[in-house]
C-alpha atoms as a PDB file:
ATOM      1  CA  UNK A   1     118.577 127.967  93.472  1.00  0.00           C
ATOM      2  CA  UNK A   2     115.048 127.438  92.008  1.00  0.00           C
ATOM      3  CA  UNK A   3     112.030 127.241  94.447  1.00  0.00           C
ATOM      4  CA  UNK A   4     110.714 123.731  95.190  1.00  0.00           C
ATOM      5  CA  UNK A   5     107.107 122.384  95.316  1.00  0.00           C
ATOM      6  CA  UNK A   6     104.049 123.576  93.366  1.00  0.00           C
ATOM      7  CA  UNK A   7     104.488 127.166  94.401  1.00  0.00           C
ATOM      8  CA  UNK A   8     107.813 127.213  92.798  1.00  0.00           C
ATOM      9  CA  UNK A   9     106.471 125.863  89.345  1.00  0.00           C
ATOM     10  CA  UNK A  10     103.821 128.570  89.283  1.00  0.00           C
ATOM     11  CA  UNK A  11     106.361 131.362  90.250  1.00  0.00           C
ATOM     12  CA  UNK A  12     108.359 130.399  87.110  1.00  0.00           C
ATOM     13  CA  UNK A  13     104.935 130.883  85.093  1.00  0.00           C
ATOM     14  CA  UNK A  14     103.361 133.868  86.908  1.00  0.00           C
ATOM     15  CA  UNK A  15     100.750 134.324  84.146  1.00  0.00           C
ATOM     16  CA  UNK A  16      99.388 130.576  84.708  1.00  0.00           C
ATOM     17  CA  UNK A  17      97.548 131.495  87.937  1.00  0.00           C
ATOM     18  CA  UNK A  18      96.242 134.707  86.418  1.00  0.00           C
ATOM     19  CA  UNK A  19      94.776 132.631  83.317  1.00  0.00           C
ATOM     20  CA  UNK A  20      93.048 130.356  85.739  1.00  0.00           C
ATOM     21  CA  UNK A  21      91.523 133.030  88.008  1.00  0.00           C
ATOM     22  CA  UNK A  22      88.154 134.310  87.234  1.00  0.00           C
ATOM     23  CA  UNK A  23      86.419 130.965  85.974  1.00  0.00           C
ATOM     24  CA  UNK A  24      83.562 129.610  87.689  1.00  0.00           C
ATOM     25  CA  UNK A  25      81.888 126.287  87.079  1.00  0.00           C
ATOM     26  CA  UNK A  26      78.111 125.780  88.211  1.00  0.00           C
ATOM     27  CA  UNK A  27      75.996 122.959  87.891  1.00  0.00           C
ATOM     28  CA  UNK A  28      72.445 121.680  89.040  1.00  0.00           C
ATOM     29  CA  UNK A  29      71.682 118.126  89.082  1.00  0.00           C
ATOM     30  CA  UNK A  30      67.950 117.129  89.621  1.00  0.00           C
ATOM     31  CA  UNK A  31      66.941 113.445  90.429  1.00  0.00           C
ATOM     32  CA  UNK A  32      63.436 112.692  91.323  1.00  0.00           C
ATOM     33  CA  UNK A  33      61.239 109.663  91.485  1.00  0.00           C
ATOM     34  CA  UNK A  34      58.112 109.347  89.233  1.00  0.00           C
ATOM     35  CA  UNK A  35      54.712 110.626  90.320  1.00  0.00           C
ATOM     36  CA  UNK A  36      51.809 108.207  91.039  1.00  0.00           C
ATOM     37  CA  UNK A  37      49.308 107.612  88.153  1.00  0.00           C
ATOM     38  CA  UNK A  38      45.766 106.984  88.906  1.00  0.00           C
ATOM     39  CA  UNK A  39      44.389 104.169  86.883  1.00  0.00           C
ATOM     40  CA  UNK A  40      40.647 104.317  86.391  1.00  0.00           C
ATOM     41  CA  UNK A  41      37.796 102.395  84.517  1.00  0.00           C
ATOM     42  CA  UNK A  42      36.889 105.427  82.631  1.00  0.00           C
ATOM     43  CA  UNK A  43      33.121 105.308  83.728  1.00  0.00           C
ATOM     44  CA  UNK A  44      31.067 104.582  86.700  1.00  0.00           C
ATOM     45  CA  UNK A  45      31.393 100.820  86.839  1.00  0.00           C
ATOM     46  CA  UNK A  46      30.264 100.529  90.439  1.00  0.00           C
ATOM     47  CA  UNK A  47      26.961 102.419  89.674  1.00  0.00           C
ATOM     48  CA  UNK A  48      27.347 104.353  92.858  1.00  0.00           C
ATOM     49  CA  UNK A  49      25.652 107.393  91.554  1.00  0.00           C
ATOM     50  CA  UNK A  50      28.877 109.641  91.495  1.00  0.00           C
ATOM     51  CA  UNK A  51      28.894 112.215  88.785  1.00  0.00           C
ATOM     52  CA  UNK A  52      30.387 115.505  87.691  1.00  0.00           C
ATOM     53  CA  UNK A  53      34.251 115.396  87.451  1.00  0.00           C
ATOM     54  CA  UNK A  54      34.347 111.563  88.249  1.00  0.00           C
ATOM     55  CA  UNK A  55      36.118 109.439  85.494  1.00  0.00           C
ATOM     56  CA  UNK A  56      34.974 106.050  87.061  1.00  0.00           C
ATOM     57  CA  UNK A  57      36.214 103.745  89.617  1.00  0.00           C
ATOM     58  CA  UNK A  58      39.534 101.691  89.949  1.00  0.00           C
ATOM     59  CA  UNK A  59      39.761  98.562  87.895  1.00  0.00           C
ATOM     60  CA  UNK A  60      40.489  95.005  89.364  1.00  0.00           C
ATOM     61  CA  UNK A  61      44.250  94.067  89.484  1.00  0.00           C
ATOM     62  CA  UNK A  62      44.253  90.611  87.693  1.00  0.00           C
ATOM     63  CA  UNK A  63      45.884  87.705  89.535  1.00  0.00           C
ATOM     64  CA  UNK A  64      49.653  87.262  88.811  1.00  0.00           C
ATOM     65  CA  UNK A  65      50.251  90.917  87.821  1.00  0.00           C
ATOM     66  CA  UNK A  66      52.157  93.483  89.705  1.00  0.00           C
ATOM     67  CA  UNK A  67      50.275  96.517  90.994  1.00  0.00           C
ATOM     68  CA  UNK A  68      52.983  98.680  89.278  1.00  0.00           C
ATOM     69  CA  UNK A  69      53.294  96.796  86.015  1.00  0.00           C
ATOM     70  CA  UNK A  70      56.018  98.983  84.375  1.00  0.00           C
ATOM     71  CA  UNK A  71      59.049  96.526  83.996  1.00  0.00           C
ATOM     72  CA  UNK A  72      59.434  93.444  81.844  1.00  0.00           C
ATOM     73  CA  UNK A  73      57.295  92.444  79.050  1.00  0.00           C
ATOM     74  CA  UNK A  74      53.372  92.228  78.688  1.00  0.00           C
ATOM     75  CA  UNK A  75      51.692  88.972  78.997  1.00  0.00           C
ATOM     76  CA  UNK A  76      49.404  90.082  76.184  1.00  0.00           C
ATOM     77  CA  UNK A  77      45.868  90.717  75.692  1.00  0.00           C
ATOM     78  CA  UNK A  78      43.582  92.188  73.050  1.00  0.00           C
ATOM     79  CA  UNK A  79      45.430  94.947  71.299  1.00  0.00           C
ATOM     80  CA  UNK A  80      48.766  94.141  73.059  1.00  0.00           C
ATOM     81  CA  UNK A  81      51.063  91.383  71.729  1.00  0.00           C
ATOM     82  CA  UNK A  82      52.669  89.137  74.263  1.00  0.00           C
ATOM     83  CA  UNK A  83      56.176  89.968  74.902  1.00  0.00           C
ATOM     84  CA  UNK A  84      55.892  93.645  74.049  1.00  0.00           C
ATOM     85  CA  UNK A  85      58.542  95.565  76.178  1.00  0.00           C
ATOM     86  CA  UNK A  86      57.065  97.657  79.065  1.00  0.00           C
ATOM     87  CA  UNK A  87      58.355 101.131  80.430  1.00  0.00           C
ATOM     88  CA  UNK A  88      58.695 102.497  77.032  1.00  0.00           C
ATOM     89  CA  UNK A  89      56.853 105.572  75.812  1.00  0.00           C
ATOM     90  CA  UNK A  90      54.823 103.440  73.484  1.00  0.00           C
ATOM     91  CA  UNK A  91      53.817 101.135  76.296  1.00  0.00           C
ATOM     92  CA  UNK A  92      54.631 102.527  79.781  1.00  0.00           C
ATOM     93  CA  UNK A  93      52.496 100.062  81.925  1.00  0.00           C
ATOM     94  CA  UNK A  94      50.819  96.875  81.114  1.00  0.00           C
ATOM     95  CA  UNK A  95      47.051  97.579  80.380  1.00  0.00           C
ATOM     96  CA  UNK A  96      46.674  93.739  80.317  1.00  0.00           C
ATOM     97  CA  UNK A  97      47.202  93.725  84.243  1.00  0.00           C
ATOM     98  CA  UNK A  98      43.745  95.267  84.756  1.00  0.00           C
ATOM     99  CA  UNK A  99      40.305  94.118  84.217  1.00  0.00           C
ATOM    100  CA  UNK A 100      36.849  95.567  84.690  1.00  0.00           C
ATOM    101  CA  UNK A 101      35.189  94.590  88.030  1.00  0.00           C
ATOM    102  CA  UNK A 102      31.551  93.109  87.788  1.00  0.00           C
ATOM    103  CA  UNK A 103      28.814  95.915  87.233  1.00  0.00           C
ATOM    104  CA  UNK A 104      27.785  97.184  90.582  1.00  0.00           C
ATOM    105  CA  UNK A 105      31.204  96.487  92.288  1.00  0.00           C
ATOM    106  CA  UNK A 106      34.305  98.363  93.158  1.00  0.00           C
ATOM    107  CA  UNK A 107      37.629  97.083  91.678  1.00  0.00           C
ATOM    108  CA  UNK A 108      40.443  95.842  94.033  1.00  0.00           C
ATOM    109  CA  UNK A 109      43.310  97.990  92.693  1.00  0.00           C
ATOM    110  CA  UNK A 110      44.701 100.340  95.173  1.00  0.00           C
ATOM    111  CA  UNK A 111      44.871 104.095  94.691  1.00  0.00           C
ATOM    112  CA  UNK A 112      47.929 105.526  92.700  1.00  0.00           C
ATOM    113  CA  UNK A 113      49.749 102.272  92.527  1.00  0.00           C
ATOM    114  CA  UNK A 114      51.465 102.732  89.128  1.00  0.00           C
ATOM    115  CA  UNK A 115      54.421 105.171  89.371  1.00  0.00           C
ATOM    116  CA  UNK A 116      55.338 107.230  86.304  1.00  0.00           C
ATOM    117  CA  UNK A 117      58.803 107.651  84.985  1.00  0.00           C
ATOM    118  CA  UNK A 118      61.501 109.409  87.081  1.00  0.00           C
ATOM    119  CA  UNK A 119      63.480 112.430  86.291  1.00  0.00           C
ATOM    120  CA  UNK A 120      67.265 112.935  85.806  1.00  0.00           C
ATOM    121  CA  UNK A 121      68.639 116.188  84.469  1.00  0.00           C
ATOM    122  CA  UNK A 122      71.829 118.152  84.862  1.00  0.00           C
ATOM    123  CA  UNK A 123      72.319 121.793  83.916  1.00  0.00           C
ATOM    124  CA  UNK A 124      75.816 123.223  83.617  1.00  0.00           C
ATOM    125  CA  UNK A 125      77.437 126.661  83.164  1.00  0.00           C
ATOM    126  CA  UNK A 126      80.817 127.903  82.641  1.00  0.00           C
ATOM    127  CA  UNK A 127      81.668 131.586  83.454  1.00  0.00           C
ATOM    128  CA  UNK A 128      84.776 133.632  82.886  1.00  0.00           C
ATOM    129  CA  UNK A 129      85.313 137.104  84.307  1.00  0.00           C
ATOM    130  CA  UNK A 130      87.856 139.287  82.946  1.00  0.00           C
ATOM    131  CA  UNK A 131      88.646 142.586  84.514  1.00  0.00           C
ATOM    132  CA  UNK A 132      90.260 145.428  82.775  1.00  0.00           C
ATOM    133  CA  UNK A 133      90.818 148.896  84.369  1.00  0.00           C
ATOM    134  CA  UNK A 134      89.621 149.369  87.878  1.00  0.00           C
ATOM    135  CA  UNK A 135      85.765 149.759  87.031  1.00  0.00           C
ATOM    136  CA  UNK A 136      85.172 147.646  83.909  1.00  0.00           C
ATOM    137  CA  UNK A 137      84.901 143.900  83.427  1.00  0.00           C
ATOM    138  CA  UNK A 138      83.630 141.357  80.887  1.00  0.00           C
ATOM    139  CA  UNK A 139      81.917 138.273  81.577  1.00  0.00           C
ATOM    140  CA  UNK A 140      81.566 135.382  79.124  1.00  0.00           C
ATOM    141  CA  UNK A 141      79.023 132.737  80.108  1.00  0.00           C
ATOM    142  CA  UNK A 142      78.271 129.377  78.396  1.00  0.00           C
ATOM    143  CA  UNK A 143      75.238 127.401  79.655  1.00  0.00           C
ATOM    144  CA  UNK A 144      73.902 124.001  78.738  1.00  0.00           C
ATOM    145  CA  UNK A 145      70.550 122.792  79.875  1.00  0.00           C
ATOM    146  CA  UNK A 146      69.940 119.015  80.087  1.00  0.00           C
ATOM    147  CA  UNK A 147      73.690 118.571  79.223  1.00  0.00           C
ATOM    148  CA  UNK A 148      73.365 114.850  78.844  1.00  0.00           C
ATOM    149  CA  UNK A 149      70.466 115.228  76.420  1.00  0.00           C
ATOM    150  CA  UNK A 150      68.579 112.561  78.624  1.00  0.00           C
ATOM    151  CA  UNK A 151      64.955 112.067  77.548  1.00  0.00           C
ATOM    152  CA  UNK A 152      62.754 112.634  80.655  1.00  0.00           C
ATOM    153  CA  UNK A 153      59.293 111.320  79.794  1.00  0.00           C
ATOM    154  CA  UNK A 154      56.035 112.619  81.281  1.00  0.00           C
ATOM    155  CA  UNK A 155      53.495 110.317  82.880  1.00  0.00           C
ATOM    156  CA  UNK A 156      50.804 108.714  80.878  1.00  0.00           C
ATOM    157  CA  UNK A 157      47.387 110.224  81.270  1.00  0.00           C
ATOM    158  CA  UNK A 158      46.560 113.757  82.351  1.00  0.00           C
ATOM    159  CA  UNK A 159      47.970 114.993  85.677  1.00  0.00           C
ATOM    160  CA  UNK A 160      44.753 115.860  87.171  1.00  0.00           C
ATOM    161  CA  UNK A 161      42.596 113.016  86.225  1.00  0.00           C
ATOM    162  CA  UNK A 162      44.660 109.974  85.621  1.00  0.00           C
ATOM    163  CA  UNK A 163      44.474 107.134  83.005  1.00  0.00           C
ATOM    164  CA  UNK A 164      41.007 106.238  81.482  1.00  0.00           C
ATOM    165  CA  UNK A 165      41.732 102.389  80.768  1.00  0.00           C
ATOM    166  CA  UNK A 166      38.380 101.306  79.444  1.00  0.00           C
ATOM    167  CA  UNK A 167      35.840 103.203  77.274  1.00  0.00           C
ATOM    168  CA  UNK A 168      31.999 103.300  77.638  1.00  0.00           C
ATOM    169  CA  UNK A 169      31.499 100.022  75.814  1.00  0.00           C
ATOM    170  CA  UNK A 170      33.985  98.418  78.308  1.00  0.00           C
ATOM    171  CA  UNK A 171      36.693  97.766  75.773  1.00  0.00           C
ATOM    172  CA  UNK A 172      40.307  98.176  76.888  1.00  0.00           C
ATOM    173  CA  UNK A 173      41.872 101.392  75.659  1.00  0.00           C
ATOM    174  CA  UNK A 174      45.469 100.318  74.906  1.00  0.00           C
ATOM    175  CA  UNK A 175      46.715 103.849  73.994  1.00  0.00           C
ATOM    176  CA  UNK A 176      46.100 104.776  77.677  1.00  0.00           C
ATOM    177  CA  UNK A 177      49.478 103.338  78.511  1.00  0.00           C
ATOM    178  CA  UNK A 178      51.199 105.614  75.961  1.00  0.00           C
ATOM    179  CA  UNK A 179      53.368 108.551  77.001  1.00  0.00           C
ATOM    180  CA  UNK A 180      52.838 111.539  74.592  1.00  0.00           C
ATOM    181  CA  UNK A 181      55.223 114.278  76.185  1.00  0.00           C
ATOM    182  CA  UNK A 182      58.504 114.946  77.884  1.00  0.00           C
ATOM    183  CA  UNK A 183      59.079 116.726  81.154  1.00  0.00           C
ATOM    184  CA  UNK A 184      62.136 118.519  80.001  1.00  0.00           C
ATOM    185  CA  UNK A 185      63.455 119.919  76.771  1.00  0.00           C
ATOM    186  CA  UNK A 186      66.144 118.403  74.620  1.00  0.00           C
ATOM    187  CA  UNK A 187      69.795 119.809  75.120  1.00  0.00           C
ATOM    188  CA  UNK A 188      69.968 123.592  74.680  1.00  0.00           C
ATOM    189  CA  UNK A 189      73.276 125.602  74.686  1.00  0.00           C
ATOM    190  CA  UNK A 190      73.418 129.338  74.940  1.00  0.00           C
ATOM    191  CA  UNK A 191      76.363 131.853  75.101  1.00  0.00           C
ATOM    192  CA  UNK A 192      76.310 135.220  76.669  1.00  0.00           C
ATOM    193  CA  UNK A 193      78.666 138.319  76.860  1.00  0.00           C
ATOM    194  CA  UNK A 194      78.111 141.007  79.550  1.00  0.00           C
ATOM    195  CA  UNK A 195      80.102 144.355  79.829  1.00  0.00           C
ATOM    196  CA  UNK A 196      80.077 145.959  83.255  1.00  0.00           C
ATOM    197  CA  UNK A 197      81.310 149.566  83.511  1.00  0.00           C
END
């Protein structure tokens, strides 16, 4: 009488369990919020006498705008058409949300209110260990980095300095809201074979 249950099915096919053994699946999932972005005027608008590594004071947040204007569409200003989508690499935040304070005054924008893009990345590997003889084995490895090929964009501006939103002639620099790089590479797949003896 044949054996019942799952164990009985595998007893009829003794090689099935052996073919499934020795496999490993590994994965690393990374999820992170974006980092804060300092928005600066780009020069010493307050005239407080600061010099050296300073890149200016914080600007004013204009009425009716979010302090983190990265969603929706731009209301428009010189250099940015109204209705331009925000949160994209071409226009991550709305530069029209900020204005220059009066000369000799500090801006009302808080520190690091704009938050850069988040990060979502999944690395995956598949490993098969094959043993032959007592002391010898072969390992086959397939690895995929950024398996979903998700574009993880960097933040606008330099990490150490922040974003210079105005130039010395007090004109708004629209390109300051542009993202020019990514945090991770595109999908990469590699294979490896290792002999142990």
